[in-house]
């Protein structure tokens, strides 16, 4: 009877499936989570770029105009809500000696993130004399949906995605913000 049980191969497919199924399930969930994270990353990039582009097309702005940029970001992230959104928009004036300083600054948190006149870094390939730039900084968090703490050994539950864009003004020589 033991010899007959040892030679019986009728349930080997079920045993192989039981051994492989958990691995395939974890791979599927990881691929799903990566897809959502890449989607959030792409939307953050498009949002930061779009906000900088829209502001750079104006010759003057006010806080209400900049407040509307949060709605622009929300529309790009639709149907998802941008989680823990932080948006900073800064007008950067570059003088004739190529020194970049803050002309005005706005944040969706309510306070100006940079003091007027403070120096700011500008990418070397964008640094030209006597120009005005719009700098947009966007930070959004992505909460992991399929968190598997026992398998990953990590306590990371969310990822923070940050993007920064510089756009040159399109109208006039600078962009003023009347109440920033």
C-alpha atoms as a PDB file:
ATOM      1  CA  UNK A   1       0.000   0.000   0.000  1.00  0.00           C
ATOM      2  CA  UNK A   2       2.863   2.415   0.765  1.00  0.00           C
ATOM      3  CA  UNK A   3       4.477   1.587  -2.574  1.00  0.00           C
ATOM      4  CA  UNK A   4       1.217   2.333  -4.385  1.00  0.00           C
ATOM      5  CA  UNK A   5       0.865   5.736  -2.599  1.00  0.00           C
ATOM      6  CA  UNK A   6       4.485   6.617  -3.415  1.00  0.00           C
ATOM      7  CA  UNK A   7       3.998   5.863  -7.106  1.00  0.00           C
ATOM      8  CA  UNK A   8       0.644   7.693  -7.375  1.00  0.00           C
ATOM      9  CA  UNK A   9       1.156  11.020  -9.292  1.00  0.00           C
ATOM     10  CA  UNK A  10      -2.472  12.121  -9.603  1.00  0.00           C
ATOM     11  CA  UNK A  11      -2.280  15.080  -7.153  1.00  0.00           C
ATOM     12  CA  UNK A  12       1.077  16.526  -8.150  1.00  0.00           C
ATOM     13  CA  UNK A  13      -0.498  19.434 -10.088  1.00  0.00           C
ATOM     14  CA  UNK A  14      -2.413  20.551  -6.991  1.00  0.00           C
ATOM     15  CA  UNK A  15       0.718  20.455  -4.854  1.00  0.00           C
ATOM     16  CA  UNK A  16       2.704  22.452  -7.415  1.00  0.00           C
ATOM     17  CA  UNK A  17      -0.076  25.029  -7.602  1.00  0.00           C
ATOM     18  CA  UNK A  18      -0.181  25.323  -3.794  1.00  0.00           C
ATOM     19  CA  UNK A  19       3.561  26.005  -3.765  1.00  0.00           C
ATOM     20  CA  UNK A  20       3.545  28.544  -6.643  1.00  0.00           C
ATOM     21  CA  UNK A  21       0.226  30.383  -6.022  1.00  0.00           C
ATOM     22  CA  UNK A  22       1.408  32.584  -3.097  1.00  0.00           C
ATOM     23  CA  UNK A  23       4.426  33.767  -5.091  1.00  0.00           C
ATOM     24  CA  UNK A  24       2.275  34.598  -8.115  1.00  0.00           C
ATOM     25  CA  UNK A  25      -0.225  36.442  -5.922  1.00  0.00           C
ATOM     26  CA  UNK A  26       2.518  38.599  -4.351  1.00  0.00           C
ATOM     27  CA  UNK A  27       3.961  39.361  -7.802  1.00  0.00           C
ATOM     28  CA  UNK A  28       0.524  40.381  -9.068  1.00  0.00           C
ATOM     29  CA  UNK A  29      -0.117  42.674  -6.084  1.00  0.00           C
ATOM     30  CA  UNK A  30       3.346  44.249  -6.410  1.00  0.00           C
ATOM     31  CA  UNK A  31       2.782  44.922 -10.121  1.00  0.00           C
ATOM     32  CA  UNK A  32      -0.587  46.497  -9.326  1.00  0.00           C
ATOM     33  CA  UNK A  33       0.957  48.707  -6.623  1.00  0.00           C
ATOM     34  CA  UNK A  34       3.799  49.787  -8.923  1.00  0.00           C
ATOM     35  CA  UNK A  35       1.326  50.692 -11.643  1.00  0.00           C
ATOM     36  CA  UNK A  36      -0.608  52.942  -9.246  1.00  0.00           C
ATOM     37  CA  UNK A  37       2.608  54.578  -8.008  1.00  0.00           C
ATOM     38  CA  UNK A  38       3.835  55.241 -11.563  1.00  0.00           C
ATOM     39  CA  UNK A  39       0.429  56.701 -12.425  1.00  0.00           C
ATOM     40  CA  UNK A  40       0.632  59.057  -9.428  1.00  0.00           C
ATOM     41  CA  UNK A  41       4.185  60.019 -10.400  1.00  0.00           C
ATOM     42  CA  UNK A  42       3.139  60.808 -13.956  1.00  0.00           C
ATOM     43  CA  UNK A  43       0.198  62.913 -12.788  1.00  0.00           C
ATOM     44  CA  UNK A  44       2.480  64.835 -10.414  1.00  0.00           C
ATOM     45  CA  UNK A  45       4.870  65.607 -13.271  1.00  0.00           C
ATOM     46  CA  UNK A  46       2.069  66.759 -15.571  1.00  0.00           C
ATOM     47  CA  UNK A  47       0.494  68.832 -12.785  1.00  0.00           C
ATOM     48  CA  UNK A  48       3.680  70.698 -11.854  1.00  0.00           C
ATOM     49  CA  UNK A  49       4.458  71.388 -15.501  1.00  0.00           C
ATOM     50  CA  UNK A  50       0.918  72.546 -16.306  1.00  0.00           C
ATOM     51  CA  UNK A  51       0.751  74.921 -13.341  1.00  0.00           C
ATOM     52  CA  UNK A  52       4.111  76.504 -14.250  1.00  0.00           C
ATOM     53  CA  UNK A  53       3.015  76.797 -17.880  1.00  0.00           C
ATOM     54  CA  UNK A  54      -0.312  78.446 -17.011  1.00  0.00           C
ATOM     55  CA  UNK A  55       1.215  80.972 -14.629  1.00  0.00           C
ATOM     56  CA  UNK A  56       4.014  81.810 -17.082  1.00  0.00           C
ATOM     57  CA  UNK A  57       1.403  82.875 -19.664  1.00  0.00           C
ATOM     58  CA  UNK A  58       0.101  85.739 -17.491  1.00  0.00           C
ATOM     59  CA  UNK A  59       1.634  89.175 -17.089  1.00  0.00           C
ATOM     60  CA  UNK A  60       0.205  89.599 -13.567  1.00  0.00           C
ATOM     61  CA  UNK A  61      -1.444  87.326 -11.029  1.00  0.00           C
ATOM     62  CA  UNK A  62      -3.191  87.615  -7.677  1.00  0.00           C
ATOM     63  CA  UNK A  63      -3.632  85.079  -4.882  1.00  0.00           C
ATOM     64  CA  UNK A  64      -7.054  84.024  -6.220  1.00  0.00           C
ATOM     65  CA  UNK A  65      -5.449  83.084  -9.548  1.00  0.00           C
ATOM     66  CA  UNK A  66      -2.854  81.005  -7.735  1.00  0.00           C
ATOM     67  CA  UNK A  67      -5.522  79.411  -5.512  1.00  0.00           C
ATOM     68  CA  UNK A  68      -7.172  78.182  -8.715  1.00  0.00           C
ATOM     69  CA  UNK A  69      -4.009  76.218  -9.543  1.00  0.00           C
ATOM     70  CA  UNK A  70      -4.941  73.749  -6.795  1.00  0.00           C
ATOM     71  CA  UNK A  71      -8.122  73.064  -8.778  1.00  0.00           C
ATOM     72  CA  UNK A  72      -5.996  72.524 -11.893  1.00  0.00           C
ATOM     73  CA  UNK A  73      -3.930  69.921 -10.031  1.00  0.00           C
ATOM     74  CA  UNK A  74      -7.104  68.249  -8.730  1.00  0.00           C
ATOM     75  CA  UNK A  75      -8.500  68.091 -12.266  1.00  0.00           C
ATOM     76  CA  UNK A  76      -5.336  66.412 -13.542  1.00  0.00           C
ATOM     77  CA  UNK A  77      -5.436  63.874 -10.710  1.00  0.00           C
ATOM     78  CA  UNK A  78      -9.151  63.118 -11.280  1.00  0.00           C
ATOM     79  CA  UNK A  79     -10.751  60.694 -10.513  1.00  0.00           C
ATOM     80  CA  UNK A  80      -8.277  60.456  -7.591  1.00  0.00           C
ATOM     81  CA  UNK A  81      -7.746  63.176  -5.004  1.00  0.00           C
ATOM     82  CA  UNK A  82      -4.148  64.342  -4.649  1.00  0.00           C
ATOM     83  CA  UNK A  83      -3.212  63.070  -1.179  1.00  0.00           C
ATOM     84  CA  UNK A  84      -1.302  65.532   1.058  1.00  0.00           C
ATOM     85  CA  UNK A  85      -0.852  68.053  -1.752  1.00  0.00           C
ATOM     86  CA  UNK A  86       1.721  70.819  -1.265  1.00  0.00           C
ATOM     87  CA  UNK A  87       2.017  73.379  -4.054  1.00  0.00           C
ATOM     88  CA  UNK A  88       4.491  76.283  -4.090  1.00  0.00           C
ATOM     89  CA  UNK A  89       4.643  78.814  -6.917  1.00  0.00           C
ATOM     90  CA  UNK A  90       7.496  81.320  -6.973  1.00  0.00           C
ATOM     91  CA  UNK A  91       8.341  84.206  -9.264  1.00  0.00           C
ATOM     92  CA  UNK A  92      12.110  84.276  -9.808  1.00  0.00           C
ATOM     93  CA  UNK A  93      13.816  87.391 -11.165  1.00  0.00           C
ATOM     94  CA  UNK A  94      17.252  86.913 -12.744  1.00  0.00           C
ATOM     95  CA  UNK A  95      19.199  90.158 -12.985  1.00  0.00           C
ATOM     96  CA  UNK A  96      21.884  91.232 -15.464  1.00  0.00           C
ATOM     97  CA  UNK A  97      24.621  89.511 -13.421  1.00  0.00           C
ATOM     98  CA  UNK A  98      22.637  86.228 -13.528  1.00  0.00           C
ATOM     99  CA  UNK A  99      21.767  86.349  -9.825  1.00  0.00           C
ATOM    100  CA  UNK A 100      18.368  84.751  -9.179  1.00  0.00           C
ATOM    101  CA  UNK A 101      16.149  86.091  -6.402  1.00  0.00           C
ATOM    102  CA  UNK A 102      12.547  85.652  -5.283  1.00  0.00           C
ATOM    103  CA  UNK A 103      10.192  88.347  -6.615  1.00  0.00           C
ATOM    104  CA  UNK A 104       7.107  86.814  -4.981  1.00  0.00           C
ATOM    105  CA  UNK A 105       6.083  83.470  -3.553  1.00  0.00           C
ATOM    106  CA  UNK A 106       2.819  81.618  -2.845  1.00  0.00           C
ATOM    107  CA  UNK A 107       1.867  78.306  -1.248  1.00  0.00           C
ATOM    108  CA  UNK A 108      -1.424  76.478  -0.891  1.00  0.00           C
ATOM    109  CA  UNK A 109      -0.665  76.205   2.837  1.00  0.00           C
ATOM    110  CA  UNK A 110      -1.357  79.935   3.170  1.00  0.00           C
ATOM    111  CA  UNK A 111       2.098  81.293   3.939  1.00  0.00           C
ATOM    112  CA  UNK A 112       4.779  82.384   1.497  1.00  0.00           C
ATOM    113  CA  UNK A 113       7.424  79.633   1.302  1.00  0.00           C
ATOM    114  CA  UNK A 114      10.257  82.038   0.396  1.00  0.00           C
ATOM    115  CA  UNK A 115      11.082  85.572   1.477  1.00  0.00           C
ATOM    116  CA  UNK A 116      11.131  88.257  -1.207  1.00  0.00           C
ATOM    117  CA  UNK A 117      14.718  88.868  -2.268  1.00  0.00           C
ATOM    118  CA  UNK A 118      15.992  85.463  -1.128  1.00  0.00           C
ATOM    119  CA  UNK A 119      18.345  83.729  -3.535  1.00  0.00           C
ATOM    120  CA  UNK A 120      17.091  80.596  -5.265  1.00  0.00           C
ATOM    121  CA  UNK A 121      18.910  77.986  -7.299  1.00  0.00           C
ATOM    122  CA  UNK A 122      18.182  77.974 -11.015  1.00  0.00           C
ATOM    123  CA  UNK A 123      19.260  75.160 -13.358  1.00  0.00           C
ATOM    124  CA  UNK A 124      22.392  76.180 -15.261  1.00  0.00           C
ATOM    125  CA  UNK A 125      20.791  75.592 -18.661  1.00  0.00           C
ATOM    126  CA  UNK A 126      18.000  78.089 -17.818  1.00  0.00           C
ATOM    127  CA  UNK A 127      20.148  80.775 -16.235  1.00  0.00           C
ATOM    128  CA  UNK A 128      20.241  83.817 -18.516  1.00  0.00           C
ATOM    129  CA  UNK A 129      20.591  87.499 -17.750  1.00  0.00           C
ATOM    130  CA  UNK A 130      17.483  89.661 -17.326  1.00  0.00           C
ATOM    131  CA  UNK A 131      14.755  87.001 -17.404  1.00  0.00           C
ATOM    132  CA  UNK A 132      11.828  86.075 -15.206  1.00  0.00           C
ATOM    133  CA  UNK A 133      11.027  82.469 -14.303  1.00  0.00           C
ATOM    134  CA  UNK A 134       8.115  80.709 -12.680  1.00  0.00           C
ATOM    135  CA  UNK A 135       9.187  77.936 -10.333  1.00  0.00           C
ATOM    136  CA  UNK A 136       6.583  75.357  -9.364  1.00  0.00           C
ATOM    137  CA  UNK A 137       7.191  72.825  -6.608  1.00  0.00           C
ATOM    138  CA  UNK A 138       4.598  70.097  -6.168  1.00  0.00           C
ATOM    139  CA  UNK A 139       4.657  67.395  -3.518  1.00  0.00           C
ATOM    140  CA  UNK A 140       2.019  64.712  -3.266  1.00  0.00           C
ATOM    141  CA  UNK A 141       1.875  61.493  -1.255  1.00  0.00           C
ATOM    142  CA  UNK A 142       0.885  58.096  -2.577  1.00  0.00           C
ATOM    143  CA  UNK A 143      -0.560  55.773   0.022  1.00  0.00           C
ATOM    144  CA  UNK A 144       0.261  52.128  -0.599  1.00  0.00           C
ATOM    145  CA  UNK A 145      -2.972  50.197  -1.044  1.00  0.00           C
ATOM    146  CA  UNK A 146      -1.762  46.601  -0.899  1.00  0.00           C
ATOM    147  CA  UNK A 147       0.681  46.995   1.952  1.00  0.00           C
ATOM    148  CA  UNK A 148       2.198  43.636   2.981  1.00  0.00           C
ATOM    149  CA  UNK A 149       4.244  44.382   6.133  1.00  0.00           C
ATOM    150  CA  UNK A 150       4.917  40.747   6.999  1.00  0.00           C
ATOM    151  CA  UNK A 151       6.474  40.069   3.606  1.00  0.00           C
ATOM    152  CA  UNK A 152       8.332  43.342   3.051  1.00  0.00           C
ATOM    153  CA  UNK A 153       9.737  43.833   6.548  1.00  0.00           C
ATOM    154  CA  UNK A 154       9.252  47.574   6.069  1.00  0.00           C
ATOM    155  CA  UNK A 155       7.091  50.143   7.800  1.00  0.00           C
ATOM    156  CA  UNK A 156       6.749  52.363   4.712  1.00  0.00           C
ATOM    157  CA  UNK A 157       3.056  52.966   4.107  1.00  0.00           C
ATOM    158  CA  UNK A 158       3.257  55.916   1.723  1.00  0.00           C
ATOM    159  CA  UNK A 159       5.588  57.388  -0.858  1.00  0.00           C
ATOM    160  CA  UNK A 160       6.205  61.114  -1.280  1.00  0.00           C
ATOM    161  CA  UNK A 161       6.537  62.254  -4.874  1.00  0.00           C
ATOM    162  CA  UNK A 162       8.040  65.687  -5.534  1.00  0.00           C
ATOM    163  CA  UNK A 163       8.370  67.578  -8.799  1.00  0.00           C
ATOM    164  CA  UNK A 164       9.902  70.950  -9.628  1.00  0.00           C
ATOM    165  CA  UNK A 165       9.550  72.894 -12.873  1.00  0.00           C
ATOM    166  CA  UNK A 166      10.859  76.206 -14.167  1.00  0.00           C
ATOM    167  CA  UNK A 167       9.104  78.042 -16.993  1.00  0.00           C
ATOM    168  CA  UNK A 168      10.166  81.336 -18.512  1.00  0.00           C
ATOM    169  CA  UNK A 169       7.613  84.172 -18.646  1.00  0.00           C
ATOM    170  CA  UNK A 170       5.768  84.456 -21.933  1.00  0.00           C
ATOM    171  CA  UNK A 171       4.345  87.995 -21.806  1.00  0.00           C
ATOM    172  CA  UNK A 172       6.268  91.192 -20.904  1.00  0.00           C
ATOM    173  CA  UNK A 173       9.506  91.086 -18.928  1.00  0.00           C
ATOM    174  CA  UNK A 174       8.157  89.857 -15.602  1.00  0.00           C
ATOM    175  CA  UNK A 175       5.057  88.554 -13.846  1.00  0.00           C
ATOM    176  CA  UNK A 176       3.801  90.557 -10.915  1.00  0.00           C
ATOM    177  CA  UNK A 177       1.709  89.277  -8.047  1.00  0.00           C
ATOM    178  CA  UNK A 178      -0.358  92.090  -6.597  1.00  0.00           C
ATOM    179  CA  UNK A 179      -1.118  90.569  -3.190  1.00  0.00           C
ATOM    180  CA  UNK A 180       1.488  87.836  -2.670  1.00  0.00           C
END
